[in-house]
């Protein structure tokens, strides 16, 4: 998984936050994954690095979104995140 920080996409101050799925840490940094239902039959998986959005993907079901989140977690663990 390639990590980069976009110029200005910080985690939104949302009164209805998404579902926290996992957090990983390395060298004083934290990567978190969040899942949101954005419409009937539409889910979005967000990955944040210290509150900066580094990845998001829209999927058609919760099952697909959870599988995608797990793929991202495994890739990060392979890179040394714990």
PDB file of N, CA and C in Angstrom:
ATOM      1  N   UNK A   1       0.855  -1.177   0.000  1.00  0.00           N
ATOM      2  CA  UNK A   1       0.000   0.000   0.000  1.00  0.00           C
ATOM      3  C   UNK A   1       0.898   1.237   0.000  1.00  0.00           C
ATOM      4  N   UNK A   2       0.698   2.101  -0.946  1.00  0.00           N
ATOM      5  CA  UNK A   2       1.483   3.322  -1.042  1.00  0.00           C
ATOM      6  C   UNK A   2       0.837   4.402  -0.195  1.00  0.00           C
ATOM      7  N   UNK A   3       1.613   5.014   0.673  1.00  0.00           N
ATOM      8  CA  UNK A   3       1.094   6.050   1.557  1.00  0.00           C
ATOM      9  C   UNK A   3       1.557   7.415   1.078  1.00  0.00           C
ATOM     10  N   UNK A   4       0.642   8.333   1.014  1.00  0.00           N
ATOM     11  CA  UNK A   4       0.985   9.715   0.736  1.00  0.00           C
ATOM     12  C   UNK A   4      -0.055  10.604   1.398  1.00  0.00           C
ATOM     13  N   UNK A   5       0.328  11.825   1.653  1.00  0.00           N
ATOM     14  CA  UNK A   5      -0.602  12.766   2.276  1.00  0.00           C
ATOM     15  C   UNK A   5      -1.114  13.735   1.234  1.00  0.00           C
ATOM     16  N   UNK A   6      -2.405  13.689   0.970  1.00  0.00           N
ATOM     17  CA  UNK A   6      -2.965  14.697   0.071  1.00  0.00           C
ATOM     18  C   UNK A   6      -2.811  16.086   0.680  1.00  0.00           C
ATOM     19  N   UNK A   7      -2.937  17.093  -0.114  1.00  0.00           N
ATOM     20  CA  UNK A   7      -2.651  18.440   0.340  1.00  0.00           C
ATOM     21  C   UNK A   7      -3.560  18.933   1.463  1.00  0.00           C
ATOM     22  N   UNK A   8      -4.843  18.620   1.435  1.00  0.00           N
ATOM     23  CA  UNK A   8      -5.704  19.260   2.438  1.00  0.00           C
ATOM     24  C   UNK A   8      -6.939  18.462   2.836  1.00  0.00           C
ATOM     25  N   UNK A   9      -6.911  17.158   2.803  1.00  0.00           N
ATOM     26  CA  UNK A   9      -8.101  16.387   3.189  1.00  0.00           C
ATOM     27  C   UNK A   9      -7.947  15.873   4.613  1.00  0.00           C
ATOM     28  N   UNK A  10      -8.254  16.688   5.591  1.00  0.00           N
ATOM     29  CA  UNK A  10      -8.250  16.251   6.978  1.00  0.00           C
ATOM     30  C   UNK A  10      -9.564  15.566   7.277  1.00  0.00           C
ATOM     31  N   UNK A  11      -9.546  14.745   8.312  1.00  0.00           N
ATOM     32  CA  UNK A  11     -10.766  14.057   8.737  1.00  0.00           C
ATOM     33  C   UNK A  11     -11.846  15.100   9.001  1.00  0.00           C
ATOM     34  N   UNK A  12     -13.025  14.908   8.430  1.00  0.00           N
ATOM     35  CA  UNK A  12     -14.090  15.896   8.628  1.00  0.00           C
ATOM     36  C   UNK A  12     -14.606  15.884  10.060  1.00  0.00           C
ATOM     37  N   UNK A  13     -14.993  17.046  10.535  1.00  0.00           N
ATOM     38  CA  UNK A  13     -15.641  17.142  11.844  1.00  0.00           C
ATOM     39  C   UNK A  13     -17.102  16.800  11.614  1.00  0.00           C
ATOM     40  N   UNK A  14     -17.409  15.540  11.693  1.00  0.00           N
ATOM     41  CA  UNK A  14     -18.735  15.037  11.354  1.00  0.00           C
ATOM     42  C   UNK A  14     -19.523  14.741  12.621  1.00  0.00           C
ATOM     43  N   UNK A  15     -20.735  15.273  12.742  1.00  0.00           N
ATOM     44  CA  UNK A  15     -21.519  14.976  13.937  1.00  0.00           C
ATOM     45  C   UNK A  15     -21.930  13.505  14.008  1.00  0.00           C
ATOM     46  N   UNK A  16     -21.862  12.791  12.882  1.00  0.00           N
ATOM     47  CA  UNK A  16     -22.190  11.368  12.857  1.00  0.00           C
ATOM     48  C   UNK A  16     -20.974  10.613  12.312  1.00  0.00           C
ATOM     49  N   UNK A  17     -20.002  10.336  13.181  1.00  0.00           N
ATOM     50  CA  UNK A  17     -18.777   9.694  12.708  1.00  0.00           C
ATOM     51  C   UNK A  17     -19.035   8.276  12.215  1.00  0.00           C
ATOM     52  N   UNK A  18     -18.096   7.789  11.428  1.00  0.00           N
ATOM     53  CA  UNK A  18     -18.201   6.428  10.925  1.00  0.00           C
ATOM     54  C   UNK A  18     -17.850   5.405  11.994  1.00  0.00           C
ATOM     55  N   UNK A  19     -17.933   4.159  11.608  1.00  0.00           N
ATOM     56  CA  UNK A  19     -17.620   3.044  12.503  1.00  0.00           C
ATOM     57  C   UNK A  19     -16.115   2.785  12.464  1.00  0.00           C
ATOM     58  N   UNK A  20     -15.464   2.908  13.605  1.00  0.00           N
ATOM     59  CA  UNK A  20     -14.031   2.651  13.704  1.00  0.00           C
ATOM     60  C   UNK A  20     -13.799   1.154  13.574  1.00  0.00           C
ATOM     61  N   UNK A  21     -12.953   0.749  12.605  1.00  0.00           N
ATOM     62  CA  UNK A  21     -12.678  -0.672  12.398  1.00  0.00           C
ATOM     63  C   UNK A  21     -11.364  -1.123  13.007  1.00  0.00           C
ATOM     64  N   UNK A  22     -10.311  -0.343  12.807  1.00  0.00           N
ATOM     65  CA  UNK A  22      -9.014  -0.720  13.356  1.00  0.00           C
ATOM     66  C   UNK A  22      -8.077   0.481  13.391  1.00  0.00           C
ATOM     67  N   UNK A  23      -7.013   0.337  14.198  1.00  0.00           N
ATOM     68  CA  UNK A  23      -5.930   1.320  14.283  1.00  0.00           C
ATOM     69  C   UNK A  23      -4.616   0.559  14.290  1.00  0.00           C
ATOM     70  N   UNK A  24      -3.611   1.103  13.625  1.00  0.00           N
ATOM     71  CA  UNK A  24      -2.273   0.535  13.635  1.00  0.00           C
ATOM     72  C   UNK A  24      -1.292   1.658  13.952  1.00  0.00           C
ATOM     73  N   UNK A  25      -0.164   1.288  14.559  1.00  0.00           N
ATOM     74  CA  UNK A  25       0.822   2.283  14.992  1.00  0.00           C
ATOM     75  C   UNK A  25       2.221   1.904  14.523  1.00  0.00           C
ATOM     76  N   UNK A  26       3.036   2.945  14.281  1.00  0.00           N
ATOM     77  CA  UNK A  26       4.450   2.743  13.953  1.00  0.00           C
ATOM     78  C   UNK A  26       5.145   4.100  14.045  1.00  0.00           C
ATOM     79  N   UNK A  27       6.269   4.123  14.725  1.00  0.00           N
ATOM     80  CA  UNK A  27       7.123   5.314  14.805  1.00  0.00           C
ATOM     81  C   UNK A  27       6.347   6.571  15.207  1.00  0.00           C
ATOM     82  N   UNK A  28       5.470   6.434  16.188  1.00  0.00           N
ATOM     83  CA  UNK A  28       4.731   7.588  16.689  1.00  0.00           C
ATOM     84  C   UNK A  28       3.562   8.029  15.817  1.00  0.00           C
ATOM     85  N   UNK A  29       3.273   7.300  14.767  1.00  0.00           N
ATOM     86  CA  UNK A  29       2.143   7.628  13.893  1.00  0.00           C
ATOM     87  C   UNK A  29       1.027   6.621  14.083  1.00  0.00           C
ATOM     88  N   UNK A  30      -0.181   7.018  13.700  1.00  0.00           N
ATOM     89  CA  UNK A  30      -1.347   6.139  13.813  1.00  0.00           C
ATOM     90  C   UNK A  30      -2.118   6.162  12.495  1.00  0.00           C
ATOM     91  N   UNK A  31      -2.445   4.971  12.019  1.00  0.00           N
ATOM     92  CA  UNK A  31      -3.318   4.833  10.858  1.00  0.00           C
ATOM     93  C   UNK A  31      -4.606   4.193  11.348  1.00  0.00           C
ATOM     94  N   UNK A  32      -5.732   4.799  10.966  1.00  0.00           N
ATOM     95  CA  UNK A  32      -7.044   4.302  11.382  1.00  0.00           C
ATOM     96  C   UNK A  32      -7.913   4.031  10.162  1.00  0.00           C
ATOM     97  N   UNK A  33      -8.823   3.105  10.333  1.00  0.00           N
ATOM     98  CA  UNK A  33      -9.778   2.788   9.277  1.00  0.00           C
ATOM     99  C   UNK A  33     -11.187   2.994   9.816  1.00  0.00           C
ATOM    100  N   UNK A  34     -12.013   3.613   8.987  1.00  0.00           N
ATOM    101  CA  UNK A  34     -13.383   3.954   9.363  1.00  0.00           C
ATOM    102  C   UNK A  34     -14.320   3.558   8.221  1.00  0.00           C
ATOM    103  N   UNK A  35     -15.477   3.065   8.586  1.00  0.00           N
ATOM    104  CA  UNK A  35     -16.480   2.632   7.613  1.00  0.00           C
ATOM    105  C   UNK A  35     -17.732   3.479   7.781  1.00  0.00           C
ATOM    106  N   UNK A  36     -18.289   3.935   6.653  1.00  0.00           N
ATOM    107  CA  UNK A  36     -19.522   4.731   6.703  1.00  0.00           C
ATOM    108  C   UNK A  36     -20.516   4.233   5.683  1.00  0.00           C
ATOM    109  N   UNK A  37     -21.763   4.189   6.100  1.00  0.00           N
ATOM    110  CA  UNK A  37     -22.860   3.949   5.168  1.00  0.00           C
ATOM    111  C   UNK A  37     -23.243   5.311   4.613  1.00  0.00           C
ATOM    112  N   UNK A  38     -23.074   5.494   3.310  1.00  0.00           N
ATOM    113  CA  UNK A  38     -23.304   6.816   2.729  1.00  0.00           C
ATOM    114  C   UNK A  38     -24.636   6.929   2.005  1.00  0.00           C
ATOM    115  N   UNK A  39     -25.254   5.792   1.716  1.00  0.00           N
ATOM    116  CA  UNK A  39     -26.568   5.751   1.067  1.00  0.00           C
ATOM    117  C   UNK A  39     -27.020   4.301   1.098  1.00  0.00           C
ATOM    118  N   UNK A  40     -28.300   4.062   0.870  1.00  0.00           N
ATOM    119  CA  UNK A  40     -28.729   2.656   0.807  1.00  0.00           C
ATOM    120  C   UNK A  40     -27.930   1.904  -0.257  1.00  0.00           C
ATOM    121  N   UNK A  41     -27.272   0.842   0.147  1.00  0.00           N
ATOM    122  CA  UNK A  41     -26.479   0.040  -0.776  1.00  0.00           C
ATOM    123  C   UNK A  41     -25.145   0.662  -1.160  1.00  0.00           C
ATOM    124  N   UNK A  42     -24.679   1.641  -0.393  1.00  0.00           N
ATOM    125  CA  UNK A  42     -23.388   2.268  -0.683  1.00  0.00           C
ATOM    126  C   UNK A  42     -22.617   2.487   0.615  1.00  0.00           C
ATOM    127  N   UNK A  43     -21.402   1.986   0.650  1.00  0.00           N
ATOM    128  CA  UNK A  43     -20.528   2.095   1.813  1.00  0.00           C
ATOM    129  C   UNK A  43     -19.210   2.699   1.378  1.00  0.00           C
ATOM    130  N   UNK A  44     -18.574   3.416   2.285  1.00  0.00           N
ATOM    131  CA  UNK A  44     -17.268   3.973   1.984  1.00  0.00           C
ATOM    132  C   UNK A  44     -16.316   3.627   3.116  1.00  0.00           C
ATOM    133  N   UNK A  45     -15.125   3.195   2.723  1.00  0.00           N
ATOM    134  CA  UNK A  45     -14.072   2.846   3.662  1.00  0.00           C
ATOM    135  C   UNK A  45     -13.020   3.946   3.593  1.00  0.00           C
ATOM    136  N   UNK A  46     -12.697   4.563   4.725  1.00  0.00           N
ATOM    137  CA  UNK A  46     -11.724   5.643   4.806  1.00  0.00           C
ATOM    138  C   UNK A  46     -10.514   5.169   5.604  1.00  0.00           C
ATOM    139  N   UNK A  47      -9.315   5.508   5.141  1.00  0.00           N
ATOM    140  CA  UNK A  47      -8.085   5.230   5.883  1.00  0.00           C
ATOM    141  C   UNK A  47      -7.404   6.568   6.131  1.00  0.00           C
ATOM    142  N   UNK A  48      -7.109   6.838   7.412  1.00  0.00           N
ATOM    143  CA  UNK A  48      -6.499   8.097   7.830  1.00  0.00           C
ATOM    144  C   UNK A  48      -5.124   7.841   8.428  1.00  0.00           C
ATOM    145  N   UNK A  49      -4.174   8.709   8.112  1.00  0.00           N
ATOM    146  CA  UNK A  49      -2.846   8.697   8.722  1.00  0.00           C
ATOM    147  C   UNK A  49      -2.762   9.964   9.562  1.00  0.00           C
ATOM    148  N   UNK A  50      -2.808   9.801  10.887  1.00  0.00           N
ATOM    149  CA  UNK A  50      -2.808  10.957  11.799  1.00  0.00           C
ATOM    150  C   UNK A  50      -3.842  11.999  11.373  1.00  0.00           C
ATOM    151  N   UNK A  51      -5.057  11.557  11.138  1.00  0.00           N
ATOM    152  CA  UNK A  51      -6.211  12.383  10.767  1.00  0.00           C
ATOM    153  C   UNK A  51      -6.185  12.932   9.341  1.00  0.00           C
ATOM    154  N   UNK A  52      -5.190  12.568   8.540  1.00  0.00           N
ATOM    155  CA  UNK A  52      -5.172  12.956   7.132  1.00  0.00           C
ATOM    156  C   UNK A  52      -5.708  11.792   6.308  1.00  0.00           C
ATOM    157  N   UNK A  53      -6.661  12.059   5.446  1.00  0.00           N
ATOM    158  CA  UNK A  53      -7.214  11.025   4.579  1.00  0.00           C
ATOM    159  C   UNK A  53      -6.152  10.600   3.569  1.00  0.00           C
ATOM    160  N   UNK A  54      -5.824   9.309   3.571  1.00  0.00           N
ATOM    161  CA  UNK A  54      -4.834   8.807   2.616  1.00  0.00           C
ATOM    162  C   UNK A  54      -5.456   7.839   1.619  1.00  0.00           C
ATOM    163  N   UNK A  55      -6.653   7.343   1.931  1.00  0.00           N
ATOM    164  CA  UNK A  55      -7.300   6.410   1.017  1.00  0.00           C
ATOM    165  C   UNK A  55      -8.788   6.356   1.313  1.00  0.00           C
ATOM    166  N   UNK A  56      -9.577   6.238   0.267  1.00  0.00           N
ATOM    167  CA  UNK A  56     -11.004   5.974   0.455  1.00  0.00           C
ATOM    168  C   UNK A  56     -11.485   5.177  -0.743  1.00  0.00           C
ATOM    169  N   UNK A  57     -12.500   4.383  -0.484  1.00  0.00           N
ATOM    170  CA  UNK A  57     -13.060   3.575  -1.563  1.00  0.00           C
ATOM    171  C   UNK A  57     -14.543   3.361  -1.300  1.00  0.00           C
ATOM    172  N   UNK A  58     -15.339   3.548  -2.330  1.00  0.00           N
ATOM    173  CA  UNK A  58     -16.784   3.334  -2.251  1.00  0.00           C
ATOM    174  C   UNK A  58     -17.093   1.926  -2.738  1.00  0.00           C
ATOM    175  N   UNK A  59     -17.906   1.221  -1.943  1.00  0.00           N
ATOM    176  CA  UNK A  59     -18.246  -0.168  -2.270  1.00  0.00           C
ATOM    177  C   UNK A  59     -19.753  -0.352  -2.166  1.00  0.00           C
ATOM    178  N   UNK A  60     -20.245  -1.417  -2.784  1.00  0.00           N
ATOM    179  CA  UNK A  60     -21.697  -1.587  -2.883  1.00  0.00           C
ATOM    180  C   UNK A  60     -22.323  -2.363  -1.728  1.00  0.00           C
ATOM    181  N   UNK A  61     -21.499  -2.925  -0.845  1.00  0.00           N
ATOM    182  CA  UNK A  61     -22.081  -3.630   0.304  1.00  0.00           C
ATOM    183  C   UNK A  61     -21.158  -3.521   1.510  1.00  0.00           C
ATOM    184  N   UNK A  62     -21.733  -3.725   2.676  1.00  0.00           N
ATOM    185  CA  UNK A  62     -20.941  -3.713   3.912  1.00  0.00           C
ATOM    186  C   UNK A  62     -19.907  -4.836   3.890  1.00  0.00           C
ATOM    187  N   UNK A  63     -20.293  -6.003   3.378  1.00  0.00           N
ATOM    188  CA  UNK A  63     -19.374  -7.145   3.317  1.00  0.00           C
ATOM    189  C   UNK A  63     -18.154  -6.794   2.456  1.00  0.00           C
ATOM    190  N   UNK A  64     -18.381  -6.172   1.299  1.00  0.00           N
ATOM    191  CA  UNK A  64     -17.268  -5.764   0.435  1.00  0.00           C
ATOM    192  C   UNK A  64     -16.395  -4.711   1.118  1.00  0.00           C
ATOM    193  N   UNK A  65     -17.017  -3.777   1.812  1.00  0.00           N
ATOM    194  CA  UNK A  65     -16.273  -2.721   2.501  1.00  0.00           C
ATOM    195  C   UNK A  65     -15.413  -3.305   3.622  1.00  0.00           C
ATOM    196  N   UNK A  66     -15.955  -4.247   4.374  1.00  0.00           N
ATOM    197  CA  UNK A  66     -15.178  -4.889   5.440  1.00  0.00           C
ATOM    198  C   UNK A  66     -14.012  -5.690   4.864  1.00  0.00           C
ATOM    199  N   UNK A  67     -14.233  -6.372   3.744  1.00  0.00           N
ATOM    200  CA  UNK A  67     -13.160  -7.136   3.097  1.00  0.00           C
ATOM    201  C   UNK A  67     -12.055  -6.194   2.604  1.00  0.00           C
ATOM    202  N   UNK A  68     -12.443  -5.071   2.023  1.00  0.00           N
ATOM    203  CA  UNK A  68     -11.459  -4.091   1.560  1.00  0.00           C
ATOM    204  C   UNK A  68     -10.651  -3.546   2.738  1.00  0.00           C
ATOM    205  N   UNK A  69     -11.325  -3.217   3.831  1.00  0.00           N
ATOM    206  CA  UNK A  69     -10.641  -2.710   5.026  1.00  0.00           C
ATOM    207  C   UNK A  69      -9.639  -3.734   5.549  1.00  0.00           C
ATOM    208  N   UNK A  70     -10.006  -4.989   5.540  1.00  0.00           N
ATOM    209  CA  UNK A  70      -9.110  -6.041   6.012  1.00  0.00           C
ATOM    210  C   UNK A  70      -7.901  -6.179   5.085  1.00  0.00           C
ATOM    211  N   UNK A  71      -8.100  -6.054   3.779  1.00  0.00           N
ATOM    212  CA  UNK A  71      -6.981  -6.086   2.829  1.00  0.00           C
ATOM    213  C   UNK A  71      -5.996  -4.958   3.132  1.00  0.00           C
ATOM    214  N   UNK A  72      -6.517  -3.774   3.409  1.00  0.00           N
ATOM    215  CA  UNK A  72      -5.667  -2.632   3.722  1.00  0.00           C
ATOM    216  C   UNK A  72      -4.890  -2.863   5.016  1.00  0.00           C
ATOM    217  N   UNK A  73      -5.561  -3.408   6.033  1.00  0.00           N
ATOM    218  CA  UNK A  73      -4.909  -3.689   7.313  1.00  0.00           C
ATOM    219  C   UNK A  73      -3.771  -4.689   7.124  1.00  0.00           C
ATOM    220  N   UNK A  74      -4.040  -5.758   6.392  1.00  0.00           N
ATOM    221  CA  UNK A  74      -3.009  -6.785   6.172  1.00  0.00           C
ATOM    222  C   UNK A  74      -1.803  -6.218   5.424  1.00  0.00           C
ATOM    223  N   UNK A  75      -2.043  -5.373   4.433  1.00  0.00           N
ATOM    224  CA  UNK A  75      -0.942  -4.761   3.678  1.00  0.00           C
ATOM    225  C   UNK A  75      -0.080  -3.901   4.605  1.00  0.00           C
ATOM    226  N   UNK A  76      -0.699  -3.163   5.481  1.00  0.00           N
ATOM    227  CA  UNK A  76       0.043  -2.320   6.425  1.00  0.00           C
ATOM    228  C   UNK A  76       0.826  -3.157   7.425  1.00  0.00           C
ATOM    229  N   UNK A  77       0.238  -4.230   7.919  1.00  0.00           N
ATOM    230  CA  UNK A  77       0.939  -5.115   8.848  1.00  0.00           C
ATOM    231  C   UNK A  77       2.167  -5.704   8.172  1.00  0.00           C
ATOM    232  N   UNK A  78       2.049  -6.077   6.899  1.00  0.00           N
ATOM    233  CA  UNK A  78       3.214  -6.593   6.158  1.00  0.00           C
ATOM    234  C   UNK A  78       4.322  -5.542   6.061  1.00  0.00           C
ATOM    235  N   UNK A  79       3.949  -4.257   6.080  1.00  0.00           N
ATOM    236  CA  UNK A  79       4.927  -3.176   6.003  1.00  0.00           C
ATOM    237  C   UNK A  79       5.477  -2.777   7.373  1.00  0.00           C
ATOM    238  N   UNK A  80       5.052  -3.485   8.433  1.00  0.00           N
ATOM    239  CA  UNK A  80       5.618  -3.230   9.754  1.00  0.00           C
ATOM    240  C   UNK A  80       4.730  -2.470  10.720  1.00  0.00           C
ATOM    241  N   UNK A  81       3.504  -2.162  10.318  1.00  0.00           N
ATOM    242  CA  UNK A  81       2.569  -1.499  11.239  1.00  0.00           C
ATOM    243  C   UNK A  81       2.013  -2.529  12.201  1.00  0.00           C
ATOM    244  N   UNK A  82       1.767  -2.106  13.430  1.00  0.00           N
ATOM    245  CA  UNK A  82       1.225  -3.031  14.442  1.00  0.00           C
ATOM    246  C   UNK A  82       0.132  -2.364  15.240  1.00  0.00           C
TER     247      UNK A  82
END
